[in-house]
Amino acid sequence: KNLPLASGLGGGSSDAATTLLALAELYPADVDLPALALHLGADVPFF
């Protein structure tokens, strides 16, 4: 964690999206990433 918390920079949302993208590389599967992202938070699909 390098970014300040609750700071308007989307850090938590970016961390979540990056986790999804990384897992899609590590464990490729037919998964709807945008749907999973939106379920996690409104900003997550952007990342």
ModelCIF file with pLDDT and N, C-alpha, C, O atoms, coordinates in Angstrom:
data_MODEL
#
_entry.id   MODEL 
#
_entity.id                         1 
_entity.type                       polymer 
_entity.pdbx_number_of_molecules   1 
#
_entity_poly.entity_id                      1 
_entity_poly.type                           'polypeptide(L)' 
_entity_poly.nstd_linkage                   no 
_entity_poly.nstd_monomer                   no 
_entity_poly.pdbx_seq_one_letter_code       KNLPLASGLGGGSSDAATTLLALAELYPADVDLPALALHLGADVPFF 
_entity_poly.pdbx_seq_one_letter_code_can   KNLPLASGLGGGSSDAATTLLALAELYPADVDLPALALHLGADVPFF 
_entity_poly.pdbx_strand_id                 A 
#
loop_
_entity_poly_seq.entity_id 
_entity_poly_seq.num 
_entity_poly_seq.mon_id 
_entity_poly_seq.hetero 
1 1  LYS n 
1 2  ASN n 
1 3  LEU n 
1 4  PRO n 
1 5  LEU n 
1 6  ALA n 
1 7  SER n 
1 8  GLY n 
1 9  LEU n 
1 10 GLY n 
1 11 GLY n 
1 12 GLY n 
1 13 SER n 
1 14 SER n 
1 15 ASP n 
1 16 ALA n 
1 17 ALA n 
1 18 THR n 
1 19 THR n 
1 20 LEU n 
1 21 LEU n 
1 22 ALA n 
1 23 LEU n 
1 24 ALA n 
1 25 GLU n 
1 26 LEU n 
1 27 TYR n 
1 28 PRO n 
1 29 ALA n 
1 30 ASP n 
1 31 VAL n 
1 32 ASP n 
1 33 LEU n 
1 34 PRO n 
1 35 ALA n 
1 36 LEU n 
1 37 ALA n 
1 38 LEU n 
1 39 HIS n 
1 40 LEU n 
1 41 GLY n 
1 42 ALA n 
1 43 ASP n 
1 44 VAL n 
1 45 PRO n 
1 46 PHE n 
1 47 PHE n 
#
_struct_asym.id          A 
_struct_asym.entity_id   1 
#
loop_
_ma_qa_metric.id 
_ma_qa_metric.mode 
_ma_qa_metric.name 
_ma_qa_metric.software_group_id 
_ma_qa_metric.type 
1 global pLDDT . pLDDT 
2 local  pLDDT . pLDDT 
#
_ma_qa_metric_global.metric_id      1 
_ma_qa_metric_global.metric_value   95.23 
_ma_qa_metric_global.model_id       1 
_ma_qa_metric_global.ordinal_id     1 
#
loop_
_ma_qa_metric_local.label_asym_id 
_ma_qa_metric_local.label_comp_id 
_ma_qa_metric_local.label_seq_id 
_ma_qa_metric_local.metric_id 
_ma_qa_metric_local.metric_value 
_ma_qa_metric_local.model_id 
_ma_qa_metric_local.ordinal_id 
A LYS 1  2 97.00 1 1  
A ASN 2  2 97.00 1 2  
A LEU 3  2 96.00 1 3  
A PRO 4  2 94.00 1 4  
A LEU 5  2 92.00 1 5  
A ALA 6  2 87.00 1 6  
A SER 7  2 92.00 1 7  
A GLY 8  2 93.00 1 8  
A LEU 9  2 96.00 1 9  
A GLY 10 2 95.00 1 10 
A GLY 11 2 96.00 1 11 
A GLY 12 2 96.00 1 12 
A SER 13 2 96.00 1 13 
A SER 14 2 98.00 1 14 
A ASP 15 2 98.00 1 15 
A ALA 16 2 98.00 1 16 
A ALA 17 2 98.00 1 17 
A THR 18 2 98.00 1 18 
A THR 19 2 98.00 1 19 
A LEU 20 2 98.00 1 20 
A LEU 21 2 97.00 1 21 
A ALA 22 2 96.00 1 22 
A LEU 23 2 96.00 1 23 
A ALA 24 2 96.00 1 24 
A GLU 25 2 94.00 1 25 
A LEU 26 2 92.00 1 26 
A TYR 27 2 93.00 1 27 
A PRO 28 2 95.00 1 28 
A ALA 29 2 96.00 1 29 
A ASP 30 2 96.00 1 30 
A VAL 31 2 97.00 1 31 
A ASP 32 2 97.00 1 32 
A LEU 33 2 96.00 1 33 
A PRO 34 2 95.00 1 34 
A ALA 35 2 95.00 1 35 
A LEU 36 2 97.00 1 36 
A ALA 37 2 96.00 1 37 
A LEU 38 2 93.00 1 38 
A HIS 39 2 94.00 1 39 
A LEU 40 2 96.00 1 40 
A GLY 41 2 92.00 1 41 
A ALA 42 2 88.00 1 42 
A ASP 43 2 91.00 1 43 
A VAL 44 2 96.00 1 44 
A PRO 45 2 95.00 1 45 
A PHE 46 2 97.00 1 46 
A PHE 47 2 97.00 1 47 
#
loop_
_atom_site.group_PDB 
_atom_site.id 
_atom_site.type_symbol 
_atom_site.label_atom_id 
_atom_site.label_alt_id 
_atom_site.label_comp_id 
_atom_site.label_asym_id 
_atom_site.label_entity_id 
_atom_site.label_seq_id 
_atom_site.pdbx_PDB_ins_code 
_atom_site.Cartn_x 
_atom_site.Cartn_y 
_atom_site.Cartn_z 
_atom_site.occupancy 
_atom_site.B_iso_or_equiv 
_atom_site.pdbx_formal_charge 
_atom_site.auth_seq_id 
_atom_site.auth_comp_id 
_atom_site.auth_asym_id 
_atom_site.auth_atom_id 
_atom_site.pdbx_PDB_model_num 
ATOM 1   N N  . LYS A 1 1  ? 0.842   -1.203  0.000   1.00 97.00 ? 1  LYS A N  1 
ATOM 2   C CA . LYS A 1 1  ? 0.000   0.000   0.000   1.00 97.00 ? 1  LYS A CA 1 
ATOM 3   C C  . LYS A 1 1  ? 0.874   1.248   0.000   1.00 97.00 ? 1  LYS A C  1 
ATOM 4   O O  . LYS A 1 1  ? 1.548   1.550   0.985   1.00 97.00 ? 1  LYS A O  1 
ATOM 5   N N  . ASN A 1 2  ? 0.852   1.965   -1.115  1.00 97.00 ? 2  ASN A N  1 
ATOM 6   C CA . ASN A 1 2  ? 1.629   3.199   -1.257  1.00 97.00 ? 2  ASN A CA 1 
ATOM 7   C C  . ASN A 1 2  ? 0.762   4.453   -1.207  1.00 97.00 ? 2  ASN A C  1 
ATOM 8   O O  . ASN A 1 2  ? 1.243   5.529   -0.853  1.00 97.00 ? 2  ASN A O  1 
ATOM 9   N N  . LEU A 1 3  ? -0.517  4.314   -1.562  1.00 96.00 ? 3  LEU A N  1 
ATOM 10  C CA . LEU A 1 3  ? -1.424  5.455   -1.625  1.00 96.00 ? 3  LEU A CA 1 
ATOM 11  C C  . LEU A 1 3  ? -2.061  5.694   -0.262  1.00 96.00 ? 3  LEU A C  1 
ATOM 12  O O  . LEU A 1 3  ? -2.269  4.749   0.498   1.00 96.00 ? 3  LEU A O  1 
ATOM 13  N N  . PRO A 1 4  ? -2.373  6.952   0.055   1.00 94.00 ? 4  PRO A N  1 
ATOM 14  C CA . PRO A 1 4  ? -3.095  7.225   1.303   1.00 94.00 ? 4  PRO A CA 1 
ATOM 15  C C  . PRO A 1 4  ? -4.490  6.626   1.267   1.00 94.00 ? 4  PRO A C  1 
ATOM 16  O O  . PRO A 1 4  ? -5.068  6.441   0.196   1.00 94.00 ? 4  PRO A O  1 
ATOM 17  N N  . LEU A 1 5  ? -5.030  6.325   2.443   1.00 92.00 ? 5  LEU A N  1 
ATOM 18  C CA . LEU A 1 5  ? -6.344  5.688   2.543   1.00 92.00 ? 5  LEU A CA 1 
ATOM 19  C C  . LEU A 1 5  ? -7.460  6.714   2.426   1.00 92.00 ? 5  LEU A C  1 
ATOM 20  O O  . LEU A 1 5  ? -7.292  7.876   2.797   1.00 92.00 ? 5  LEU A O  1 
ATOM 21  N N  . ALA A 1 6  ? -8.610  6.271   1.904   1.00 87.00 ? 6  ALA A N  1 
ATOM 22  C CA . ALA A 1 6  ? -9.814  7.114   1.796   1.00 87.00 ? 6  ALA A CA 1 
ATOM 23  C C  . ALA A 1 6  ? -9.455  8.486   1.223   1.00 87.00 ? 6  ALA A C  1 
ATOM 24  O O  . ALA A 1 6  ? -9.765  9.523   1.809   1.00 87.00 ? 6  ALA A O  1 
ATOM 25  N N  . SER A 1 7  ? -8.798  8.462   0.068   1.00 92.00 ? 7  SER A N  1 
ATOM 26  C CA . SER A 1 7  ? -8.185  9.688   -0.442  1.00 92.00 ? 7  SER A CA 1 
ATOM 27  C C  . SER A 1 7  ? -8.728  10.158  -1.778  1.00 92.00 ? 7  SER A C  1 
ATOM 28  O O  . SER A 1 7  ? -8.250  11.161  -2.307  1.00 92.00 ? 7  SER A O  1 
ATOM 29  N N  . GLY A 1 8  ? -9.724  9.458   -2.351  1.00 93.00 ? 8  GLY A N  1 
ATOM 30  C CA . GLY A 1 8  ? -10.269 9.883   -3.631  1.00 93.00 ? 8  GLY A CA 1 
ATOM 31  C C  . GLY A 1 8  ? -9.440  9.473   -4.831  1.00 93.00 ? 8  GLY A C  1 
ATOM 32  O O  . GLY A 1 8  ? -9.670  9.960   -5.938  1.00 93.00 ? 8  GLY A O  1 
ATOM 33  N N  . LEU A 1 9  ? -8.473  8.578   -4.625  1.00 96.00 ? 9  LEU A N  1 
ATOM 34  C CA . LEU A 1 9  ? -7.608  8.123   -5.718  1.00 96.00 ? 9  LEU A CA 1 
ATOM 35  C C  . LEU A 1 9  ? -7.981  6.731   -6.216  1.00 96.00 ? 9  LEU A C  1 
ATOM 36  O O  . LEU A 1 9  ? -7.330  6.199   -7.116  1.00 96.00 ? 9  LEU A O  1 
ATOM 37  N N  . GLY A 1 10 ? -9.019  6.142   -5.640  1.00 95.00 ? 10 GLY A N  1 
ATOM 38  C CA . GLY A 1 10 ? -9.481  4.840   -6.108  1.00 95.00 ? 10 GLY A CA 1 
ATOM 39  C C  . GLY A 1 10 ? -8.572  3.690   -5.764  1.00 95.00 ? 10 GLY A C  1 
ATOM 40  O O  . GLY A 1 10 ? -8.612  2.655   -6.430  1.00 95.00 ? 10 GLY A O  1 
ATOM 41  N N  . GLY A 1 11 ? -7.750  3.842   -4.739  1.00 96.00 ? 11 GLY A N  1 
ATOM 42  C CA . GLY A 1 11 ? -6.765  2.814   -4.435  1.00 96.00 ? 11 GLY A CA 1 
ATOM 43  C C  . GLY A 1 11 ? -7.363  1.438   -4.197  1.00 96.00 ? 11 GLY A C  1 
ATOM 44  O O  . GLY A 1 11 ? -6.910  0.458   -4.789  1.00 96.00 ? 11 GLY A O  1 
ATOM 45  N N  . GLY A 1 12 ? -8.372  1.349   -3.343  1.00 96.00 ? 12 GLY A N  1 
ATOM 46  C CA . GLY A 1 12 ? -8.982  0.055   -3.054  1.00 96.00 ? 12 GLY A CA 1 
ATOM 47  C C  . GLY A 1 12 ? -9.624  -0.565  -4.275  1.00 96.00 ? 12 GLY A C  1 
ATOM 48  O O  . GLY A 1 12 ? -9.520  -1.773  -4.490  1.00 96.00 ? 12 GLY A O  1 
ATOM 49  N N  . SER A 1 13 ? -10.289 0.254   -5.078  1.00 96.00 ? 13 SER A N  1 
ATOM 50  C CA . SER A 1 13 ? -10.921 -0.242  -6.300  1.00 96.00 ? 13 SER A CA 1 
ATOM 51  C C  . SER A 1 13 ? -9.879  -0.735  -7.299  1.00 96.00 ? 13 SER A C  1 
ATOM 52  O O  . SER A 1 13 ? -10.068 -1.767  -7.943  1.00 96.00 ? 13 SER A O  1 
ATOM 53  N N  . SER A 1 14 ? -8.786  0.001   -7.427  1.00 98.00 ? 14 SER A N  1 
ATOM 54  C CA . SER A 1 14 ? -7.714  -0.408  -8.329  1.00 98.00 ? 14 SER A CA 1 
ATOM 55  C C  . SER A 1 14 ? -7.067  -1.699  -7.857  1.00 98.00 ? 14 SER A C  1 
ATOM 56  O O  . SER A 1 14 ? -6.757  -2.574  -8.666  1.00 98.00 ? 14 SER A O  1 
ATOM 57  N N  . ASP A 1 15 ? -6.859  -1.823  -6.539  1.00 98.00 ? 15 ASP A N  1 
ATOM 58  C CA . ASP A 1 15 ? -6.279  -3.058  -6.000  1.00 98.00 ? 15 ASP A CA 1 
ATOM 59  C C  . ASP A 1 15 ? -7.173  -4.252  -6.331  1.00 98.00 ? 15 ASP A C  1 
ATOM 60  O O  . ASP A 1 15 ? -6.681  -5.319  -6.699  1.00 98.00 ? 15 ASP A O  1 
ATOM 61  N N  . ALA A 1 16 ? -8.486  -4.068  -6.200  1.00 98.00 ? 16 ALA A N  1 
ATOM 62  C CA . ALA A 1 16 ? -9.421  -5.157  -6.489  1.00 98.00 ? 16 ALA A CA 1 
ATOM 63  C C  . ALA A 1 16 ? -9.400  -5.524  -7.965  1.00 98.00 ? 16 ALA A C  1 
ATOM 64  O O  . ALA A 1 16 ? -9.344  -6.703  -8.312  1.00 98.00 ? 16 ALA A O  1 
ATOM 65  N N  . ALA A 1 17 ? -9.444  -4.507  -8.846  1.00 98.00 ? 17 ALA A N  1 
ATOM 66  C CA . ALA A 1 17 ? -9.426  -4.775  -10.286 1.00 98.00 ? 17 ALA A CA 1 
ATOM 67  C C  . ALA A 1 17 ? -8.124  -5.443  -10.708 1.00 98.00 ? 17 ALA A C  1 
ATOM 68  O O  . ALA A 1 17 ? -8.128  -6.349  -11.541 1.00 98.00 ? 17 ALA A O  1 
ATOM 69  N N  . THR A 1 18 ? -7.013  -4.998  -10.136 1.00 98.00 ? 18 THR A N  1 
ATOM 70  C CA . THR A 1 18 ? -5.718  -5.585  -10.471 1.00 98.00 ? 18 THR A CA 1 
ATOM 71  C C  . THR A 1 18 ? -5.665  -7.039  -10.025 1.00 98.00 ? 18 THR A C  1 
ATOM 72  O O  . THR A 1 18 ? -5.066  -7.877  -10.699 1.00 98.00 ? 18 THR A O  1 
ATOM 73  N N  . THR A 1 19 ? -6.288  -7.337  -8.896  1.00 98.00 ? 19 THR A N  1 
ATOM 74  C CA . THR A 1 19 ? -6.383  -8.724  -8.439  1.00 98.00 ? 19 THR A CA 1 
ATOM 75  C C  . THR A 1 19 ? -7.140  -9.573  -9.459  1.00 98.00 ? 19 THR A C  1 
ATOM 76  O O  . THR A 1 19 ? -6.712  -10.680 -9.785  1.00 98.00 ? 19 THR A O  1 
ATOM 77  N N  . LEU A 1 20 ? -8.260  -9.061  -9.961  1.00 98.00 ? 20 LEU A N  1 
ATOM 78  C CA . LEU A 1 20 ? -9.033  -9.795  -10.965 1.00 98.00 ? 20 LEU A CA 1 
ATOM 79  C C  . LEU A 1 20 ? -8.203  -10.024 -12.232 1.00 98.00 ? 20 LEU A C  1 
ATOM 80  O O  . LEU A 1 20 ? -8.184  -11.130 -12.772 1.00 98.00 ? 20 LEU A O  1 
ATOM 81  N N  . LEU A 1 21 ? -7.522  -8.981  -12.702 1.00 97.00 ? 21 LEU A N  1 
ATOM 82  C CA . LEU A 1 21 ? -6.726  -9.110  -13.924 1.00 97.00 ? 21 LEU A CA 1 
ATOM 83  C C  . LEU A 1 21 ? -5.575  -10.088 -13.732 1.00 97.00 ? 21 LEU A C  1 
ATOM 84  O O  . LEU A 1 21 ? -5.263  -10.874 -14.626 1.00 97.00 ? 21 LEU A O  1 
ATOM 85  N N  . ALA A 1 22 ? -4.948  -10.037 -12.565 1.00 96.00 ? 22 ALA A N  1 
ATOM 86  C CA . ALA A 1 22 ? -3.837  -10.946 -12.293 1.00 96.00 ? 22 ALA A CA 1 
ATOM 87  C C  . ALA A 1 22 ? -4.313  -12.395 -12.253 1.00 96.00 ? 22 ALA A C  1 
ATOM 88  O O  . ALA A 1 22 ? -3.657  -13.289 -12.788 1.00 96.00 ? 22 ALA A O  1 
ATOM 89  N N  . LEU A 1 23 ? -5.455  -12.616 -11.615 1.00 96.00 ? 23 LEU A N  1 
ATOM 90  C CA . LEU A 1 23 ? -5.975  -13.977 -11.523 1.00 96.00 ? 23 LEU A CA 1 
ATOM 91  C C  . LEU A 1 23 ? -6.411  -14.506 -12.888 1.00 96.00 ? 23 LEU A C  1 
ATOM 92  O O  . LEU A 1 23 ? -6.313  -15.702 -13.160 1.00 96.00 ? 23 LEU A O  1 
ATOM 93  N N  . ALA A 1 24 ? -6.895  -13.599 -13.748 1.00 96.00 ? 24 ALA A N  1 
ATOM 94  C CA . ALA A 1 24 ? -7.258  -14.022 -15.102 1.00 96.00 ? 24 ALA A CA 1 
ATOM 95  C C  . ALA A 1 24 ? -6.038  -14.509 -15.869 1.00 96.00 ? 24 ALA A C  1 
ATOM 96  O O  . ALA A 1 24 ? -6.161  -15.329 -16.778 1.00 96.00 ? 24 ALA A O  1 
ATOM 97  N N  . GLU A 1 25 ? -4.846  -14.001 -15.503 1.00 94.00 ? 25 GLU A N  1 
ATOM 98  C CA . GLU A 1 25 ? -3.602  -14.493 -16.101 1.00 94.00 ? 25 GLU A CA 1 
ATOM 99  C C  . GLU A 1 25 ? -3.155  -15.807 -15.456 1.00 94.00 ? 25 GLU A C  1 
ATOM 100 O O  . GLU A 1 25 ? -2.754  -16.746 -16.144 1.00 94.00 ? 25 GLU A O  1 
ATOM 101 N N  . LEU A 1 26 ? -3.231  -15.854 -14.132 1.00 92.00 ? 26 LEU A N  1 
ATOM 102 C CA . LEU A 1 26 ? -2.753  -17.023 -13.410 1.00 92.00 ? 26 LEU A CA 1 
ATOM 103 C C  . LEU A 1 26 ? -3.655  -18.238 -13.613 1.00 92.00 ? 26 LEU A C  1 
ATOM 104 O O  . LEU A 1 26 ? -3.177  -19.360 -13.780 1.00 92.00 ? 26 LEU A O  1 
ATOM 105 N N  . TYR A 1 27 ? -4.975  -17.994 -13.594 1.00 93.00 ? 27 TYR A N  1 
ATOM 106 C CA . TYR A 1 27 ? -5.961  -19.068 -13.726 1.00 93.00 ? 27 TYR A CA 1 
ATOM 107 C C  . TYR A 1 27 ? -6.973  -18.692 -14.810 1.00 93.00 ? 27 TYR A C  1 
ATOM 108 O O  . TYR A 1 27 ? -8.101  -18.319 -14.487 1.00 93.00 ? 27 TYR A O  1 
ATOM 109 N N  . PRO A 1 28 ? -6.592  -18.781 -16.095 1.00 95.00 ? 28 PRO A N  1 
ATOM 110 C CA . PRO A 1 28 ? -7.507  -18.389 -17.179 1.00 95.00 ? 28 PRO A CA 1 
ATOM 111 C C  . PRO A 1 28 ? -8.797  -19.203 -17.132 1.00 95.00 ? 28 PRO A C  1 
ATOM 112 O O  . PRO A 1 28 ? -8.782  -20.421 -16.957 1.00 95.00 ? 28 PRO A O  1 
ATOM 113 N N  . ALA A 1 29 ? -9.921  -18.487 -17.295 1.00 96.00 ? 29 ALA A N  1 
ATOM 114 C CA . ALA A 1 29 ? -11.224 -19.149 -17.290 1.00 96.00 ? 29 ALA A CA 1 
ATOM 115 C C  . ALA A 1 29 ? -12.240 -18.219 -17.924 1.00 96.00 ? 29 ALA A C  1 
ATOM 116 O O  . ALA A 1 29 ? -11.995 -17.022 -18.077 1.00 96.00 ? 29 ALA A O  1 
ATOM 117 N N  . ASP A 1 30 ? -13.377 -18.777 -18.288 1.00 96.00 ? 30 ASP A N  1 
ATOM 118 C CA . ASP A 1 30 ? -14.448 -17.989 -18.907 1.00 96.00 ? 30 ASP A CA 1 
ATOM 119 C C  . ASP A 1 30 ? -15.232 -17.271 -17.798 1.00 96.00 ? 30 ASP A C  1 
ATOM 120 O O  . ASP A 1 30 ? -16.307 -17.712 -17.391 1.00 96.00 ? 30 ASP A O  1 
ATOM 121 N N  . VAL A 1 31 ? -14.670 -16.160 -17.326 1.00 97.00 ? 31 VAL A N  1 
ATOM 122 C CA . VAL A 1 31 ? -15.253 -15.413 -16.216 1.00 97.00 ? 31 VAL A CA 1 
ATOM 123 C C  . VAL A 1 31 ? -15.600 -14.004 -16.695 1.00 97.00 ? 31 VAL A C  1 
ATOM 124 O O  . VAL A 1 31 ? -14.801 -13.370 -17.384 1.00 97.00 ? 31 VAL A O  1 
ATOM 125 N N  . ASP A 1 32 ? -16.769 -13.519 -16.337 1.00 97.00 ? 32 ASP A N  1 
ATOM 126 C CA . ASP A 1 32 ? -17.212 -12.168 -16.696 1.00 97.00 ? 32 ASP A CA 1 
ATOM 127 C C  . ASP A 1 32 ? -16.575 -11.180 -15.723 1.00 97.00 ? 32 ASP A C  1 
ATOM 128 O O  . ASP A 1 32 ? -17.157 -10.856 -14.687 1.00 97.00 ? 32 ASP A O  1 
ATOM 129 N N  . LEU A 1 33 ? -15.375 -10.702 -16.061 1.00 96.00 ? 33 LEU A N  1 
ATOM 130 C CA . LEU A 1 33 ? -14.659 -9.802  -15.152 1.00 96.00 ? 33 LEU A CA 1 
ATOM 131 C C  . LEU A 1 33 ? -15.419 -8.508  -14.873 1.00 96.00 ? 33 LEU A C  1 
ATOM 132 O O  . LEU A 1 33 ? -15.485 -8.099  -13.714 1.00 96.00 ? 33 LEU A O  1 
ATOM 133 N N  . PRO A 1 34 ? -16.009 -7.829  -15.895 1.00 95.00 ? 34 PRO A N  1 
ATOM 134 C CA . PRO A 1 34 ? -16.753 -6.593  -15.590 1.00 95.00 ? 34 PRO A CA 1 
ATOM 135 C C  . PRO A 1 34 ? -17.885 -6.806  -14.603 1.00 95.00 ? 34 PRO A C  1 
ATOM 136 O O  . PRO A 1 34 ? -18.130 -5.953  -13.750 1.00 95.00 ? 34 PRO A O  1 
ATOM 137 N N  . ALA A 1 35 ? -18.582 -7.936  -14.705 1.00 95.00 ? 35 ALA A N  1 
ATOM 138 C CA . ALA A 1 35 ? -19.684 -8.208  -13.775 1.00 95.00 ? 35 ALA A CA 1 
ATOM 139 C C  . ALA A 1 35 ? -19.150 -8.412  -12.364 1.00 95.00 ? 35 ALA A C  1 
ATOM 140 O O  . ALA A 1 35 ? -19.718 -7.889  -11.405 1.00 95.00 ? 35 ALA A O  1 
ATOM 141 N N  . LEU A 1 36 ? -18.060 -9.168  -12.229 1.00 97.00 ? 36 LEU A N  1 
ATOM 142 C CA . LEU A 1 36 ? -17.454 -9.347  -10.908 1.00 97.00 ? 36 LEU A CA 1 
ATOM 143 C C  . LEU A 1 36 ? -16.990 -8.004  -10.355 1.00 97.00 ? 36 LEU A C  1 
ATOM 144 O O  . LEU A 1 36 ? -17.173 -7.711  -9.174  1.00 97.00 ? 36 LEU A O  1 
ATOM 145 N N  . ALA A 1 37 ? -16.387 -7.192  -11.225 1.00 96.00 ? 37 ALA A N  1 
ATOM 146 C CA . ALA A 1 37 ? -15.866 -5.898  -10.787 1.00 96.00 ? 37 ALA A CA 1 
ATOM 147 C C  . ALA A 1 37 ? -16.983 -4.996  -10.279 1.00 96.00 ? 37 ALA A C  1 
ATOM 148 O O  . ALA A 1 37 ? -16.845 -4.377  -9.224  1.00 96.00 ? 37 ALA A O  1 
ATOM 149 N N  . LEU A 1 38 ? -18.083 -4.915  -11.013 1.00 93.00 ? 38 LEU A N  1 
ATOM 150 C CA . LEU A 1 38 ? -19.188 -4.041  -10.611 1.00 93.00 ? 38 LEU A CA 1 
ATOM 151 C C  . LEU A 1 38 ? -19.792 -4.509  -9.296  1.00 93.00 ? 38 LEU A C  1 
ATOM 152 O O  . LEU A 1 38 ? -20.230 -3.689  -8.489  1.00 93.00 ? 38 LEU A O  1 
ATOM 153 N N  . HIS A 1 39 ? -19.821 -5.803  -9.074  1.00 94.00 ? 39 HIS A N  1 
ATOM 154 C CA . HIS A 1 39 ? -20.349 -6.321  -7.805  1.00 94.00 ? 39 HIS A CA 1 
ATOM 155 C C  . HIS A 1 39 ? -19.469 -5.888  -6.634  1.00 94.00 ? 39 HIS A C  1 
ATOM 156 O O  . HIS A 1 39 ? -19.956 -5.733  -5.514  1.00 94.00 ? 39 HIS A O  1 
ATOM 157 N N  . LEU A 1 40 ? -18.167 -5.691  -6.893  1.00 96.00 ? 40 LEU A N  1 
ATOM 158 C CA . LEU A 1 40 ? -17.236 -5.283  -5.842  1.00 96.00 ? 40 LEU A CA 1 
ATOM 159 C C  . LEU A 1 40 ? -17.325 -3.793  -5.535  1.00 96.00 ? 40 LEU A C  1 
ATOM 160 O O  . LEU A 1 40 ? -17.101 -3.382  -4.396  1.00 96.00 ? 40 LEU A O  1 
ATOM 161 N N  . GLY A 1 41 ? -17.653 -2.977  -6.541  1.00 92.00 ? 41 GLY A N  1 
ATOM 162 C CA . GLY A 1 41 ? -17.742 -1.534  -6.315  1.00 92.00 ? 41 GLY A CA 1 
ATOM 163 C C  . GLY A 1 41 ? -17.876 -0.787  -7.620  1.00 92.00 ? 41 GLY A C  1 
ATOM 164 O O  . GLY A 1 41 ? -17.438 -1.265  -8.666  1.00 92.00 ? 41 GLY A O  1 
ATOM 165 N N  . ALA A 1 42 ? -18.490 0.405   -7.561  1.00 88.00 ? 42 ALA A N  1 
ATOM 166 C CA . ALA A 1 42 ? -18.809 1.158   -8.779  1.00 88.00 ? 42 ALA A CA 1 
ATOM 167 C C  . ALA A 1 42 ? -17.570 1.587   -9.552  1.00 88.00 ? 42 ALA A C  1 
ATOM 168 O O  . ALA A 1 42 ? -17.631 1.705   -10.775 1.00 88.00 ? 42 ALA A O  1 
ATOM 169 N N  . ASP A 1 43 ? -16.440 1.825   -8.874  1.00 91.00 ? 43 ASP A N  1 
ATOM 170 C CA . ASP A 1 43 ? -15.222 2.277   -9.553  1.00 91.00 ? 43 ASP A CA 1 
ATOM 171 C C  . ASP A 1 43 ? -14.380 1.126   -10.085 1.00 91.00 ? 43 ASP A C  1 
ATOM 172 O O  . ASP A 1 43 ? -13.483 1.347   -10.899 1.00 91.00 ? 43 ASP A O  1 
ATOM 173 N N  . VAL A 1 44 ? -14.649 -0.088  -9.643  1.00 96.00 ? 44 VAL A N  1 
ATOM 174 C CA . VAL A 1 44 ? -13.757 -1.201  -9.987  1.00 96.00 ? 44 VAL A CA 1 
ATOM 175 C C  . VAL A 1 44 ? -13.736 -1.493  -11.485 1.00 96.00 ? 44 VAL A C  1 
ATOM 176 O O  . VAL A 1 44 ? -12.657 -1.745  -12.020 1.00 96.00 ? 44 VAL A O  1 
ATOM 177 N N  . PRO A 1 45 ? -14.889 -1.473  -12.204 1.00 95.00 ? 45 PRO A N  1 
ATOM 178 C CA . PRO A 1 45 ? -14.823 -1.750  -13.652 1.00 95.00 ? 45 PRO A CA 1 
ATOM 179 C C  . PRO A 1 45 ? -13.889 -0.817  -14.419 1.00 95.00 ? 45 PRO A C  1 
ATOM 180 O O  . PRO A 1 45 ? -13.246 -1.240  -15.380 1.00 95.00 ? 45 PRO A O  1 
ATOM 181 N N  . PHE A 1 46 ? -13.809 0.436   -14.006 1.00 97.00 ? 46 PHE A N  1 
ATOM 182 C CA . PHE A 1 46 ? -12.921 1.377   -14.707 1.00 97.00 ? 46 PHE A CA 1 
ATOM 183 C C  . PHE A 1 46 ? -11.485 0.872   -14.726 1.00 97.00 ? 46 PHE A C  1 
ATOM 184 O O  . PHE A 1 46 ? -10.800 0.974   -15.744 1.00 97.00 ? 46 PHE A O  1 
ATOM 185 N N  . PHE A 1 47 ? -11.032 0.332   -13.610 1.00 97.00 ? 47 PHE A N  1 
ATOM 186 C CA . PHE A 1 47 ? -9.629  -0.064  -13.510 1.00 97.00 ? 47 PHE A CA 1 
ATOM 187 C C  . PHE A 1 47 ? -9.314  -1.316  -14.320 1.00 97.00 ? 47 PHE A C  1 
ATOM 188 O O  . PHE A 1 47 ? -8.170  -1.772  -14.334 1.00 97.00 ? 47 PHE A O  1 
#
